[in-house]
Amino acid sequence: MIKLSEIIYNLKGIIRDNKSDDVKITNRQLEFMINYVRARLIRQDVNKNRPISENIIQPLGVIPVNLVNATDVPGINTKILRTSVKIPKPIEVADKDLILYVGGTDGLNGFDIVSKAQAKWSKYNKYTKCGKRAYYRNGYIYLSGADAKVVDSIYVEGVWENPREVALFTANGDYCYDINVDGYPLSMHMIETINELLMGKEFTMMLQLSEDYENNASDKN
């Protein structure tokens, strides 16, 4: 797979050849543009029921889970399992977040990934009340179902909005992705679309968005 640095180098050459010399753009702005187009193309493919490419799926590794209070209502103490740390933000499509696997490290014993509402009502169904369910809320993955009570950690895979967040993510002190060494999680056909957009009318809009993003990132530092 192609690395981020190689994609950025190629884009800089395209901008130099097709845009005015006074266009100044940073590597971080180009990274924002890459992620912007990547996310849009993934949403389009998923919403058209196309299969999700293995090239864009990233594992987060093994994440411990802890018992936490399931409600913010004072005086109510109902416990539920939740990941010990927040996870990177998954790409959101029409009816779900692209968290593709939650379960054991063998990749075979997965939880049913549902919405919070589905997890709530499944416990009243005699066929599903004992099943293991997982749902994503406010940056965490929650586990429910009778069988979930014996779990102390989970393995997670998904398609995430910003691969840099995955590069910074660690649950047990081990990083699962190196943004400077590993291939960037996108399909090769996406690179062609990114190049076309940078040569078209959308470039100015994307440049403004990337400038706003870079400014916001600087304010947080």
N, C-alpha and C. Protein backbone atom coordinates (compact mmCIF):
# COMPACT_ATOMS: atom_id res chain seq x y z
N MET A 1 0.84 -1.21 0.00
CA MET A 1 0.00 0.00 0.00
C MET A 1 0.87 1.25 0.00
N ILE A 2 0.35 2.30 -0.58
CA ILE A 2 1.08 3.56 -0.67
C ILE A 2 1.05 4.29 0.66
N LYS A 3 2.15 4.95 1.00
CA LYS A 3 2.25 5.68 2.26
C LYS A 3 1.72 7.10 2.09
N LEU A 4 1.34 7.71 3.22
CA LEU A 4 0.82 9.08 3.19
C LEU A 4 1.83 10.04 2.59
N SER A 5 3.09 9.92 2.95
CA SER A 5 4.11 10.84 2.44
C SER A 5 4.21 10.77 0.92
N GLU A 6 4.00 9.59 0.34
CA GLU A 6 4.05 9.44 -1.11
C GLU A 6 2.85 10.08 -1.77
N ILE A 7 1.67 9.96 -1.15
CA ILE A 7 0.47 10.59 -1.69
C ILE A 7 0.62 12.11 -1.69
N ILE A 8 1.13 12.65 -0.58
CA ILE A 8 1.30 14.10 -0.46
C ILE A 8 2.33 14.61 -1.46
N TYR A 9 3.42 13.89 -1.63
CA TYR A 9 4.45 14.29 -2.59
C TYR A 9 3.87 14.38 -4.01
N ASN A 10 3.06 13.39 -4.36
CA ASN A 10 2.43 13.37 -5.67
C ASN A 10 1.46 14.53 -5.84
N LEU A 11 0.68 14.83 -4.79
CA LEU A 11 -0.28 15.93 -4.87
C LEU A 11 0.42 17.27 -5.01
N LYS A 12 1.53 17.45 -4.33
CA LYS A 12 2.27 18.71 -4.45
C LYS A 12 2.75 18.92 -5.88
N GLY A 13 3.16 17.84 -6.53
CA GLY A 13 3.57 17.96 -7.92
C GLY A 13 2.42 18.35 -8.82
N ILE A 14 1.23 17.79 -8.58
CA ILE A 14 0.05 18.14 -9.37
C ILE A 14 -0.33 19.61 -9.17
N ILE A 15 -0.30 20.07 -7.93
CA ILE A 15 -0.64 21.47 -7.64
C ILE A 15 0.36 22.40 -8.31
N ARG A 16 1.63 22.04 -8.24
CA ARG A 16 2.68 22.87 -8.85
C ARG A 16 2.51 22.97 -10.36
N ASP A 17 2.07 21.88 -10.98
CA ASP A 17 1.94 21.85 -12.43
C ASP A 17 0.64 22.48 -12.92
N ASN A 18 -0.40 22.52 -12.08
CA ASN A 18 -1.72 22.94 -12.55
C ASN A 18 -2.26 24.20 -11.89
N LYS A 19 -1.63 24.65 -10.83
CA LYS A 19 -2.11 25.84 -10.14
C LYS A 19 -1.05 26.93 -10.17
N SER A 20 -1.46 28.10 -9.75
CA SER A 20 -0.55 29.22 -9.71
C SER A 20 0.58 28.96 -8.72
N ASP A 21 1.75 29.52 -8.98
CA ASP A 21 2.90 29.33 -8.10
C ASP A 21 2.69 29.96 -6.73
N ASP A 22 1.74 30.89 -6.62
CA ASP A 22 1.54 31.56 -5.33
C ASP A 22 0.60 30.78 -4.40
N VAL A 23 0.15 29.60 -4.83
CA VAL A 23 -0.66 28.75 -3.96
C VAL A 23 0.26 28.08 -2.94
N LYS A 24 0.08 28.43 -1.69
CA LYS A 24 0.88 27.85 -0.62
C LYS A 24 0.01 26.88 0.18
N ILE A 25 0.47 25.66 0.29
CA ILE A 25 -0.33 24.66 0.98
C ILE A 25 0.60 23.75 1.78
N THR A 26 0.19 23.44 3.00
CA THR A 26 1.02 22.63 3.88
C THR A 26 0.70 21.14 3.73
N ASN A 27 1.58 20.32 4.25
CA ASN A 27 1.34 18.88 4.23
C ASN A 27 0.09 18.52 5.03
N ARG A 28 -0.14 19.23 6.14
CA ARG A 28 -1.31 18.93 6.97
C ARG A 28 -2.60 19.31 6.24
N GLN A 29 -2.57 20.38 5.44
CA GLN A 29 -3.75 20.73 4.64
C GLN A 29 -4.02 19.67 3.59
N LEU A 30 -2.98 19.18 2.96
CA LEU A 30 -3.16 18.12 1.97
C LEU A 30 -3.68 16.84 2.62
N GLU A 31 -3.22 16.56 3.81
CA GLU A 31 -3.71 15.39 4.54
C GLU A 31 -5.21 15.53 4.82
N PHE A 32 -5.62 16.75 5.20
CA PHE A 32 -7.04 16.99 5.42
C PHE A 32 -7.84 16.72 4.15
N MET A 33 -7.35 17.21 3.01
CA MET A 33 -8.04 17.00 1.74
C MET A 33 -8.15 15.52 1.41
N ILE A 34 -7.06 14.79 1.63
CA ILE A 34 -7.07 13.35 1.36
C ILE A 34 -8.14 12.68 2.20
N ASN A 35 -8.20 12.99 3.49
CA ASN A 35 -9.19 12.38 4.38
C ASN A 35 -10.61 12.79 4.02
N TYR A 36 -10.77 14.04 3.61
CA TYR A 36 -12.08 14.57 3.24
C TYR A 36 -12.66 13.76 2.06
N VAL A 37 -11.83 13.61 1.02
CA VAL A 37 -12.30 12.89 -0.17
C VAL A 37 -12.44 11.40 0.13
N ARG A 38 -11.48 10.85 0.86
CA ARG A 38 -11.54 9.43 1.24
C ARG A 38 -12.84 9.09 1.95
N ALA A 39 -13.21 9.90 2.93
CA ALA A 39 -14.44 9.65 3.69
C ALA A 39 -15.67 9.75 2.78
N ARG A 40 -15.66 10.73 1.90
CA ARG A 40 -16.81 10.90 1.00
C ARG A 40 -16.97 9.71 0.06
N LEU A 41 -15.86 9.23 -0.49
CA LEU A 41 -15.92 8.10 -1.40
C LEU A 41 -16.34 6.82 -0.69
N ILE A 42 -15.87 6.65 0.55
CA ILE A 42 -16.27 5.47 1.32
C ILE A 42 -17.76 5.50 1.60
N ARG A 43 -18.28 6.66 1.99
CA ARG A 43 -19.72 6.78 2.23
C ARG A 43 -20.52 6.45 0.98
N GLN A 44 -20.07 6.95 -0.16
CA GLN A 44 -20.76 6.68 -1.41
C GLN A 44 -20.79 5.18 -1.71
N ASP A 45 -19.65 4.52 -1.54
CA ASP A 45 -19.57 3.09 -1.83
C ASP A 45 -20.48 2.28 -0.90
N VAL A 46 -20.43 2.60 0.40
CA VAL A 46 -21.23 1.85 1.37
C VAL A 46 -22.72 2.08 1.14
N ASN A 47 -23.09 3.33 0.87
CA ASN A 47 -24.51 3.64 0.65
C ASN A 47 -25.05 3.02 -0.64
N LYS A 48 -24.14 2.63 -1.53
CA LYS A 48 -24.54 1.93 -2.75
C LYS A 48 -24.39 0.41 -2.59
N ASN A 49 -24.17 -0.03 -1.33
CA ASN A 49 -24.06 -1.45 -1.00
C ASN A 49 -22.87 -2.13 -1.66
N ARG A 50 -21.82 -1.38 -1.92
CA ARG A 50 -20.61 -1.98 -2.44
C ARG A 50 -19.80 -2.56 -1.28
N PRO A 51 -19.06 -3.63 -1.52
CA PRO A 51 -18.28 -4.25 -0.44
C PRO A 51 -17.19 -3.31 0.07
N ILE A 52 -16.90 -3.42 1.37
CA ILE A 52 -15.88 -2.58 1.97
C ILE A 52 -14.51 -3.21 1.73
N SER A 53 -13.61 -2.45 1.14
CA SER A 53 -12.28 -2.95 0.81
C SER A 53 -11.46 -3.18 2.08
N GLU A 54 -10.70 -4.26 2.08
CA GLU A 54 -9.79 -4.53 3.19
C GLU A 54 -8.74 -3.43 3.32
N ASN A 55 -8.49 -2.70 2.24
CA ASN A 55 -7.46 -1.66 2.26
C ASN A 55 -7.79 -0.51 3.20
N ILE A 56 -9.07 -0.31 3.52
CA ILE A 56 -9.46 0.84 4.33
C ILE A 56 -9.80 0.48 5.77
N ILE A 57 -9.77 -0.83 6.09
CA ILE A 57 -10.11 -1.29 7.44
C ILE A 57 -8.86 -1.24 8.32
N GLN A 58 -9.01 -0.68 9.51
CA GLN A 58 -7.89 -0.60 10.44
C GLN A 58 -8.27 -1.21 11.79
N PRO A 59 -7.41 -2.07 12.34
CA PRO A 59 -7.65 -2.60 13.68
C PRO A 59 -7.17 -1.61 14.74
N LEU A 60 -7.82 -1.62 15.88
CA LEU A 60 -7.38 -0.82 17.02
C LEU A 60 -6.68 -1.68 18.07
N GLY A 61 -6.64 -2.97 17.83
CA GLY A 61 -6.00 -3.86 18.78
C GLY A 61 -6.93 -4.25 19.92
N VAL A 62 -6.33 -4.73 21.00
CA VAL A 62 -7.08 -5.20 22.16
C VAL A 62 -7.30 -4.03 23.11
N ILE A 63 -8.56 -3.80 23.48
CA ILE A 63 -8.92 -2.68 24.33
C ILE A 63 -9.60 -3.20 25.60
N PRO A 64 -9.08 -2.88 26.79
CA PRO A 64 -9.75 -3.31 28.02
C PRO A 64 -11.12 -2.66 28.16
N VAL A 65 -12.02 -3.34 28.86
CA VAL A 65 -13.34 -2.78 29.17
C VAL A 65 -13.52 -2.75 30.69
N ASN A 66 -14.26 -1.74 31.15
CA ASN A 66 -14.50 -1.55 32.57
C ASN A 66 -15.99 -1.39 32.84
N LEU A 67 -16.39 -1.70 34.06
CA LEU A 67 -17.77 -1.44 34.47
C LEU A 67 -17.94 0.04 34.78
N VAL A 68 -18.95 0.66 34.19
CA VAL A 68 -19.26 2.05 34.45
C VAL A 68 -20.76 2.18 34.68
N ASN A 69 -21.18 3.32 35.17
CA ASN A 69 -22.60 3.56 35.37
C ASN A 69 -23.29 3.75 34.02
N ALA A 70 -24.38 3.07 33.80
CA ALA A 70 -25.06 3.10 32.51
C ALA A 70 -25.94 4.32 32.33
N THR A 71 -26.14 5.10 33.38
CA THR A 71 -27.04 6.25 33.29
C THR A 71 -26.45 7.44 34.03
N ASP A 72 -26.83 8.62 33.59
CA ASP A 72 -26.40 9.85 34.25
C ASP A 72 -27.42 10.34 35.27
N VAL A 73 -28.47 9.56 35.49
CA VAL A 73 -29.52 9.96 36.42
C VAL A 73 -29.01 9.81 37.85
N PRO A 74 -29.04 10.88 38.68
CA PRO A 74 -28.56 10.78 40.06
C PRO A 74 -29.33 9.73 40.85
N GLY A 75 -28.60 8.96 41.64
CA GLY A 75 -29.23 7.96 42.50
C GLY A 75 -29.46 6.62 41.84
N ILE A 76 -29.27 6.54 40.52
CA ILE A 76 -29.45 5.28 39.80
C ILE A 76 -28.07 4.69 39.53
N ASN A 77 -27.84 3.49 39.98
CA ASN A 77 -26.53 2.86 39.85
C ASN A 77 -26.66 1.53 39.10
N THR A 78 -26.71 1.63 37.78
CA THR A 78 -26.80 0.46 36.92
C THR A 78 -25.51 0.35 36.13
N LYS A 79 -24.83 -0.78 36.25
CA LYS A 79 -23.51 -0.92 35.64
C LYS A 79 -23.58 -1.56 34.25
N ILE A 80 -22.64 -1.12 33.40
CA ILE A 80 -22.51 -1.67 32.06
C ILE A 80 -21.04 -1.63 31.68
N LEU A 81 -20.62 -2.53 30.81
CA LEU A 81 -19.23 -2.55 30.37
C LEU A 81 -18.99 -1.53 29.27
N ARG A 82 -17.83 -0.85 29.36
CA ARG A 82 -17.47 0.17 28.38
C ARG A 82 -15.96 0.14 28.16
N THR A 83 -15.52 0.48 26.97
CA THR A 83 -14.08 0.54 26.72
C THR A 83 -13.41 1.50 27.69
N SER A 84 -12.21 1.17 28.09
CA SER A 84 -11.50 1.96 29.10
C SER A 84 -11.08 3.32 28.56
N VAL A 85 -11.00 3.46 27.24
CA VAL A 85 -10.60 4.72 26.60
C VAL A 85 -11.53 5.01 25.43
N LYS A 86 -11.57 6.27 25.02
CA LYS A 86 -12.31 6.63 23.82
C LYS A 86 -11.56 6.10 22.60
N ILE A 87 -12.32 5.72 21.59
CA ILE A 87 -11.72 5.22 20.35
C ILE A 87 -11.79 6.30 19.28
N PRO A 88 -11.00 6.19 18.20
CA PRO A 88 -11.11 7.15 17.10
C PRO A 88 -12.53 7.18 16.52
N LYS A 89 -12.89 8.28 15.92
CA LYS A 89 -14.24 8.46 15.39
C LYS A 89 -14.41 7.65 14.10
N PRO A 90 -15.39 6.75 14.06
CA PRO A 90 -15.63 5.98 12.83
C PRO A 90 -16.32 6.84 11.77
N ILE A 91 -16.16 6.46 10.53
CA ILE A 91 -16.91 7.11 9.45
C ILE A 91 -18.37 6.74 9.60
N GLU A 92 -19.22 7.74 9.48
CA GLU A 92 -20.67 7.54 9.61
C GLU A 92 -21.30 7.49 8.23
N VAL A 93 -22.07 6.45 7.98
CA VAL A 93 -22.81 6.32 6.72
C VAL A 93 -24.30 6.48 7.00
N ALA A 94 -25.13 6.11 6.05
CA ALA A 94 -26.56 6.44 6.13
C ALA A 94 -27.22 5.97 7.42
N ASP A 95 -26.93 4.75 7.84
CA ASP A 95 -27.67 4.19 8.97
C ASP A 95 -26.80 3.57 10.05
N LYS A 96 -25.49 3.84 10.01
CA LYS A 96 -24.61 3.21 11.00
C LYS A 96 -23.24 3.88 11.00
N ASP A 97 -22.45 3.53 12.02
CA ASP A 97 -21.04 3.89 12.07
C ASP A 97 -20.24 2.68 11.59
N LEU A 98 -19.14 2.94 10.89
CA LEU A 98 -18.39 1.84 10.29
C LEU A 98 -17.42 1.19 11.28
N ILE A 99 -17.99 0.73 12.40
CA ILE A 99 -17.28 -0.18 13.30
C ILE A 99 -17.67 -1.58 12.84
N LEU A 100 -16.70 -2.32 12.34
CA LEU A 100 -17.01 -3.56 11.62
C LEU A 100 -16.88 -4.82 12.46
N TYR A 101 -16.05 -4.76 13.49
CA TYR A 101 -15.88 -5.95 14.33
C TYR A 101 -15.59 -5.53 15.76
N VAL A 102 -16.32 -6.14 16.69
CA VAL A 102 -16.07 -6.00 18.12
C VAL A 102 -16.19 -7.41 18.69
N GLY A 103 -15.12 -7.90 19.30
CA GLY A 103 -15.19 -9.25 19.84
C GLY A 103 -13.83 -9.80 20.22
N GLY A 104 -13.67 -11.12 20.11
CA GLY A 104 -12.42 -11.78 20.46
C GLY A 104 -11.34 -11.55 19.42
N THR A 105 -10.08 -11.79 19.83
CA THR A 105 -8.96 -11.55 18.93
C THR A 105 -8.88 -12.56 17.80
N ASP A 106 -9.64 -13.64 17.88
CA ASP A 106 -9.65 -14.62 16.78
C ASP A 106 -10.45 -14.14 15.58
N GLY A 107 -11.17 -13.04 15.74
CA GLY A 107 -11.97 -12.51 14.65
C GLY A 107 -13.21 -13.30 14.33
N LEU A 108 -13.53 -14.28 15.17
CA LEU A 108 -14.67 -15.16 14.91
C LEU A 108 -15.81 -14.98 15.90
N ASN A 109 -15.48 -14.64 17.12
CA ASN A 109 -16.50 -14.53 18.17
C ASN A 109 -16.86 -13.07 18.40
N GLY A 110 -17.63 -12.54 17.49
CA GLY A 110 -17.96 -11.12 17.54
C GLY A 110 -19.28 -10.84 18.24
N PHE A 111 -19.39 -9.62 18.75
CA PHE A 111 -20.65 -9.12 19.27
C PHE A 111 -21.51 -8.65 18.11
N ASP A 112 -22.82 -8.64 18.32
CA ASP A 112 -23.71 -7.96 17.37
C ASP A 112 -23.53 -6.46 17.56
N ILE A 113 -23.20 -5.74 16.50
CA ILE A 113 -23.01 -4.30 16.59
C ILE A 113 -24.34 -3.64 16.25
N VAL A 114 -24.91 -2.95 17.23
CA VAL A 114 -26.26 -2.40 17.11
C VAL A 114 -26.25 -0.95 17.55
N SER A 115 -27.40 -0.29 17.42
CA SER A 115 -27.57 1.05 17.97
C SER A 115 -27.86 0.94 19.47
N LYS A 116 -27.77 2.07 20.17
CA LYS A 116 -28.09 2.04 21.60
C LYS A 116 -29.54 1.60 21.82
N ALA A 117 -30.45 2.08 20.98
CA ALA A 117 -31.87 1.72 21.12
C ALA A 117 -32.07 0.22 20.92
N GLN A 118 -31.39 -0.36 19.93
CA GLN A 118 -31.51 -1.79 19.69
C GLN A 118 -30.97 -2.59 20.86
N ALA A 119 -29.87 -2.13 21.44
CA ALA A 119 -29.29 -2.83 22.59
C ALA A 119 -30.24 -2.79 23.78
N LYS A 120 -30.92 -1.67 23.93
CA LYS A 120 -31.85 -1.51 25.06
C LYS A 120 -33.02 -2.48 24.95
N TRP A 121 -33.61 -2.59 23.75
CA TRP A 121 -34.83 -3.40 23.61
C TRP A 121 -34.54 -4.88 23.39
N SER A 122 -33.31 -5.22 22.98
CA SER A 122 -32.98 -6.62 22.74
C SER A 122 -33.06 -7.45 24.01
N LYS A 123 -32.83 -6.81 25.16
CA LYS A 123 -32.84 -7.58 26.41
C LYS A 123 -34.24 -8.09 26.77
N TYR A 124 -35.27 -7.54 26.12
CA TYR A 124 -36.64 -7.98 26.39
C TYR A 124 -37.09 -9.07 25.41
N ASN A 125 -36.25 -9.34 24.40
CA ASN A 125 -36.58 -10.37 23.41
C ASN A 125 -36.00 -11.71 23.87
N LYS A 126 -36.83 -12.74 23.97
CA LYS A 126 -36.37 -14.02 24.50
C LYS A 126 -35.30 -14.67 23.64
N TYR A 127 -35.25 -14.28 22.36
CA TYR A 127 -34.28 -14.88 21.45
C TYR A 127 -32.93 -14.15 21.49
N THR A 128 -32.91 -12.90 21.92
CA THR A 128 -31.68 -12.11 21.85
C THR A 128 -31.18 -11.61 23.19
N LYS A 129 -31.94 -11.84 24.26
CA LYS A 129 -31.59 -11.21 25.53
C LYS A 129 -30.27 -11.71 26.10
N CYS A 130 -29.83 -12.91 25.72
CA CYS A 130 -28.57 -13.44 26.23
C CYS A 130 -27.40 -13.18 25.28
N GLY A 131 -27.68 -12.66 24.12
CA GLY A 131 -26.63 -12.43 23.14
C GLY A 131 -25.72 -11.27 23.52
N LYS A 132 -24.53 -11.26 22.94
CA LYS A 132 -23.56 -10.20 23.18
C LYS A 132 -23.78 -9.08 22.17
N ARG A 133 -23.94 -7.86 22.67
CA ARG A 133 -24.19 -6.72 21.81
C ARG A 133 -23.21 -5.60 22.13
N ALA A 134 -22.87 -4.83 21.11
CA ALA A 134 -21.97 -3.69 21.27
C ALA A 134 -22.59 -2.50 20.56
N TYR A 135 -22.46 -1.32 21.17
CA TYR A 135 -22.89 -0.10 20.49
C TYR A 135 -21.94 1.03 20.81
N TYR A 136 -21.88 1.98 19.90
CA TYR A 136 -20.96 3.12 19.98
C TYR A 136 -21.72 4.36 20.43
N ARG A 137 -21.16 5.06 21.43
CA ARG A 137 -21.81 6.26 21.93
C ARG A 137 -20.77 7.17 22.58
N ASN A 138 -20.77 8.43 22.16
CA ASN A 138 -19.90 9.46 22.75
C ASN A 138 -18.43 9.05 22.80
N GLY A 139 -18.00 8.36 21.77
CA GLY A 139 -16.59 8.01 21.67
C GLY A 139 -16.20 6.67 22.27
N TYR A 140 -17.14 6.01 22.97
CA TYR A 140 -16.85 4.73 23.62
C TYR A 140 -17.66 3.61 22.96
N ILE A 141 -17.18 2.38 23.14
CA ILE A 141 -17.96 1.20 22.78
C ILE A 141 -18.50 0.59 24.07
N TYR A 142 -19.80 0.36 24.11
CA TYR A 142 -20.47 -0.25 25.27
C TYR A 142 -20.86 -1.68 24.92
N LEU A 143 -20.84 -2.55 25.92
CA LEU A 143 -21.22 -3.95 25.74
C LEU A 143 -22.42 -4.27 26.60
N SER A 144 -23.34 -5.04 26.05
CA SER A 144 -24.52 -5.44 26.81
C SER A 144 -24.88 -6.88 26.48
N GLY A 145 -25.81 -7.43 27.27
CA GLY A 145 -26.20 -8.83 27.11
C GLY A 145 -25.58 -9.67 28.20
N ALA A 146 -26.27 -10.73 28.55
CA ALA A 146 -25.81 -11.58 29.65
C ALA A 146 -24.42 -12.15 29.39
N ASP A 147 -24.13 -12.54 28.16
CA ASP A 147 -22.85 -13.14 27.84
C ASP A 147 -21.69 -12.14 27.88
N ALA A 148 -22.03 -10.85 27.86
CA ALA A 148 -20.98 -9.84 27.84
C ALA A 148 -20.32 -9.65 29.20
N LYS A 149 -20.95 -10.13 30.26
CA LYS A 149 -20.47 -9.86 31.60
C LYS A 149 -19.12 -10.52 31.90
N VAL A 150 -18.76 -11.54 31.14
CA VAL A 150 -17.51 -12.25 31.41
C VAL A 150 -16.34 -11.67 30.61
N VAL A 151 -16.56 -10.63 29.84
CA VAL A 151 -15.53 -10.07 28.96
C VAL A 151 -14.69 -9.05 29.73
N ASP A 152 -13.36 -9.11 29.56
CA ASP A 152 -12.50 -8.10 30.17
C ASP A 152 -11.75 -7.25 29.16
N SER A 153 -11.82 -7.65 27.88
CA SER A 153 -11.22 -6.85 26.81
C SER A 153 -11.85 -7.26 25.49
N ILE A 154 -11.73 -6.38 24.50
CA ILE A 154 -12.28 -6.65 23.17
C ILE A 154 -11.27 -6.26 22.10
N TYR A 155 -11.46 -6.83 20.93
CA TYR A 155 -10.67 -6.48 19.75
C TYR A 155 -11.59 -5.73 18.79
N VAL A 156 -11.10 -4.62 18.22
CA VAL A 156 -11.96 -3.74 17.43
C VAL A 156 -11.33 -3.46 16.07
N GLU A 157 -12.14 -3.52 15.03
CA GLU A 157 -11.75 -3.11 13.69
C GLU A 157 -12.82 -2.19 13.12
N GLY A 158 -12.39 -1.26 12.28
CA GLY A 158 -13.36 -0.37 11.67
C GLY A 158 -12.74 0.48 10.59
N VAL A 159 -13.54 1.43 10.10
CA VAL A 159 -13.08 2.41 9.12
C VAL A 159 -13.21 3.77 9.80
N TRP A 160 -12.09 4.44 10.01
CA TRP A 160 -12.05 5.62 10.86
C TRP A 160 -11.88 6.89 10.04
N GLU A 161 -12.47 7.97 10.52
CA GLU A 161 -12.46 9.23 9.77
C GLU A 161 -11.05 9.76 9.54
N ASN A 162 -10.21 9.68 10.57
CA ASN A 162 -8.89 10.27 10.49
C ASN A 162 -7.84 9.23 10.89
N PRO A 163 -7.11 8.67 9.92
CA PRO A 163 -6.10 7.67 10.26
C PRO A 163 -5.03 8.17 11.23
N ARG A 164 -4.81 9.48 11.28
CA ARG A 164 -3.84 10.02 12.24
C ARG A 164 -4.30 9.76 13.67
N GLU A 165 -5.62 9.80 13.90
CA GLU A 165 -6.13 9.47 15.23
C GLU A 165 -5.82 8.02 15.58
N VAL A 166 -5.86 7.14 14.60
CA VAL A 166 -5.52 5.74 14.83
C VAL A 166 -4.04 5.62 15.17
N ALA A 167 -3.21 6.42 14.51
CA ALA A 167 -1.77 6.39 14.77
C ALA A 167 -1.45 6.85 16.19
N LEU A 168 -2.30 7.70 16.75
CA LEU A 168 -2.09 8.22 18.10
C LEU A 168 -2.78 7.37 19.16
N PHE A 169 -3.58 6.40 18.72
CA PHE A 169 -4.40 5.63 19.65
C PHE A 169 -3.62 4.49 20.28
N THR A 170 -3.78 4.33 21.57
CA THR A 170 -3.24 3.18 22.28
C THR A 170 -4.12 2.90 23.49
N ALA A 171 -4.37 1.63 23.74
CA ALA A 171 -5.17 1.22 24.89
C ALA A 171 -4.31 0.50 25.93
N ASN A 172 -3.26 -0.17 25.44
CA ASN A 172 -2.39 -0.94 26.33
C ASN A 172 -0.93 -0.52 26.22
N GLY A 173 -0.71 0.68 25.69
CA GLY A 173 0.66 1.14 25.52
C GLY A 173 1.28 0.76 24.20
N ASP A 174 0.58 -0.01 23.38
CA ASP A 174 1.08 -0.43 22.08
C ASP A 174 0.32 0.27 20.97
N TYR A 175 1.06 0.87 20.05
CA TYR A 175 0.42 1.51 18.90
C TYR A 175 0.21 0.49 17.80
N CYS A 176 -0.98 0.55 17.17
CA CYS A 176 -1.32 -0.45 16.16
C CYS A 176 -1.09 0.05 14.73
N TYR A 177 -0.70 1.33 14.59
CA TYR A 177 -0.54 1.89 13.24
C TYR A 177 0.50 3.00 13.28
N ASP A 178 1.43 2.97 12.34
CA ASP A 178 2.46 4.01 12.22
C ASP A 178 2.20 4.78 10.93
N ILE A 179 1.78 6.01 11.07
CA ILE A 179 1.38 6.80 9.90
C ILE A 179 2.55 7.11 8.98
N ASN A 180 3.78 7.05 9.50
CA ASN A 180 4.96 7.37 8.70
C ASN A 180 5.56 6.15 8.00
N VAL A 181 5.14 4.97 8.42
CA VAL A 181 5.73 3.73 7.89
C VAL A 181 4.71 2.87 7.15
N ASP A 182 3.53 2.72 7.75
CA ASP A 182 2.51 1.84 7.19
C ASP A 182 1.77 2.49 6.03
N GLY A 183 1.16 1.64 5.20
CA GLY A 183 0.37 2.15 4.09
C GLY A 183 -0.86 2.92 4.58
N TYR A 184 -1.25 3.95 3.81
CA TYR A 184 -2.42 4.74 4.19
C TYR A 184 -3.68 3.97 3.82
N PRO A 185 -4.70 3.97 4.69
CA PRO A 185 -5.89 3.14 4.46
C PRO A 185 -6.85 3.73 3.43
N LEU A 186 -6.49 3.64 2.17
CA LEU A 186 -7.39 4.04 1.10
C LEU A 186 -7.12 3.16 -0.11
N SER A 187 -8.11 3.06 -0.97
CA SER A 187 -7.98 2.27 -2.19
C SER A 187 -7.34 3.11 -3.27
N MET A 188 -6.65 2.48 -4.19
CA MET A 188 -5.89 3.21 -5.20
C MET A 188 -6.79 4.07 -6.08
N HIS A 189 -8.03 3.62 -6.32
CA HIS A 189 -8.92 4.42 -7.17
C HIS A 189 -9.26 5.76 -6.53
N MET A 190 -9.14 5.84 -5.19
CA MET A 190 -9.42 7.10 -4.50
C MET A 190 -8.37 8.15 -4.82
N ILE A 191 -7.14 7.73 -5.06
CA ILE A 191 -6.07 8.67 -5.36
C ILE A 191 -6.37 9.41 -6.66
N GLU A 192 -6.87 8.69 -7.64
CA GLU A 192 -7.22 9.32 -8.92
C GLU A 192 -8.30 10.37 -8.72
N THR A 193 -9.31 10.06 -7.90
CA THR A 193 -10.39 11.02 -7.65
C THR A 193 -9.87 12.24 -6.90
N ILE A 194 -8.99 12.04 -5.93
CA ILE A 194 -8.39 13.17 -5.20
C ILE A 194 -7.64 14.07 -6.17
N ASN A 195 -6.86 13.48 -7.06
CA ASN A 195 -6.11 14.26 -8.04
C ASN A 195 -7.03 15.08 -8.94
N GLU A 196 -8.13 14.46 -9.36
CA GLU A 196 -9.08 15.17 -10.23
C GLU A 196 -9.71 16.35 -9.52
N LEU A 197 -10.05 16.18 -8.25
CA LEU A 197 -10.67 17.27 -7.49
C LEU A 197 -9.70 18.43 -7.30
N LEU A 198 -8.43 18.11 -7.09
CA LEU A 198 -7.44 19.17 -6.88
C LEU A 198 -7.20 19.96 -8.16
N MET A 199 -7.52 19.40 -9.30
CA MET A 199 -7.36 20.13 -10.55
C MET A 199 -8.66 20.83 -10.96
N GLY A 200 -9.73 20.62 -10.20
CA GLY A 200 -11.03 21.18 -10.58
C GLY A 200 -11.47 22.32 -9.69
N LYS A 201 -12.75 22.67 -9.82
CA LYS A 201 -13.32 23.81 -9.10
C LYS A 201 -13.38 23.58 -7.60
N GLU A 202 -13.39 22.32 -7.17
CA GLU A 202 -13.56 22.02 -5.76
C GLU A 202 -12.29 22.34 -4.96
N PHE A 203 -11.19 22.57 -5.64
CA PHE A 203 -9.93 22.81 -4.95
C PHE A 203 -10.03 24.01 -4.00
N THR A 204 -10.61 25.11 -4.45
CA THR A 204 -10.68 26.31 -3.62
C THR A 204 -11.48 26.06 -2.35
N MET A 205 -12.60 25.37 -2.48
CA MET A 205 -13.43 25.05 -1.31
C MET A 205 -12.68 24.16 -0.34
N MET A 206 -12.00 23.15 -0.85
CA MET A 206 -11.26 22.24 0.01
C MET A 206 -10.09 22.94 0.68
N LEU A 207 -9.46 23.87 -0.05
CA LEU A 207 -8.35 24.62 0.53
C LEU A 207 -8.82 25.46 1.70
N GLN A 208 -10.00 26.10 1.58
CA GLN A 208 -10.54 26.90 2.67
C GLN A 208 -10.88 26.03 3.87
N LEU A 209 -11.50 24.88 3.61
CA LEU A 209 -11.82 23.96 4.70
C LEU A 209 -10.55 23.50 5.43
N SER A 210 -9.52 23.21 4.66
CA SER A 210 -8.28 22.73 5.26
C SER A 210 -7.60 23.83 6.07
N GLU A 211 -7.72 25.08 5.62
CA GLU A 211 -7.15 26.20 6.38
C GLU A 211 -7.88 26.36 7.71
N ASP A 212 -9.21 26.24 7.68
CA ASP A 212 -9.99 26.32 8.91
C ASP A 212 -9.60 25.19 9.86
N TYR A 213 -9.42 24.00 9.30
CA TYR A 213 -9.03 22.85 10.12
C TYR A 213 -7.67 23.07 10.75
N GLU A 214 -6.73 23.56 9.96
CA GLU A 214 -5.38 23.77 10.48
C GLU A 214 -5.36 24.84 11.56
N ASN A 215 -6.15 25.90 11.38
CA ASN A 215 -6.25 26.95 12.39
C ASN A 215 -6.85 26.42 13.69
N ASN A 216 -7.91 25.61 13.55
CA ASN A 216 -8.53 25.03 14.75
C ASN A 216 -7.58 24.10 15.48
N ALA A 217 -6.79 23.34 14.70
CA ALA A 217 -5.83 22.44 15.32
C ALA A 217 -4.75 23.22 16.07
N SER A 218 -4.36 24.37 15.50
CA SER A 218 -3.34 25.18 16.15
C SER A 218 -3.87 25.78 17.44
N ASP A 219 -5.14 26.16 17.44
CA ASP A 219 -5.74 26.75 18.64
C ASP A 219 -5.77 25.76 19.80
N LYS A 220 -5.87 24.47 19.47
CA LYS A 220 -5.96 23.45 20.52
C LYS A 220 -4.59 23.10 21.10
N ASN A 221 -3.54 23.43 20.40
CA ASN A 221 -2.18 23.09 20.85
C ASN A 221 -1.68 24.12 21.88
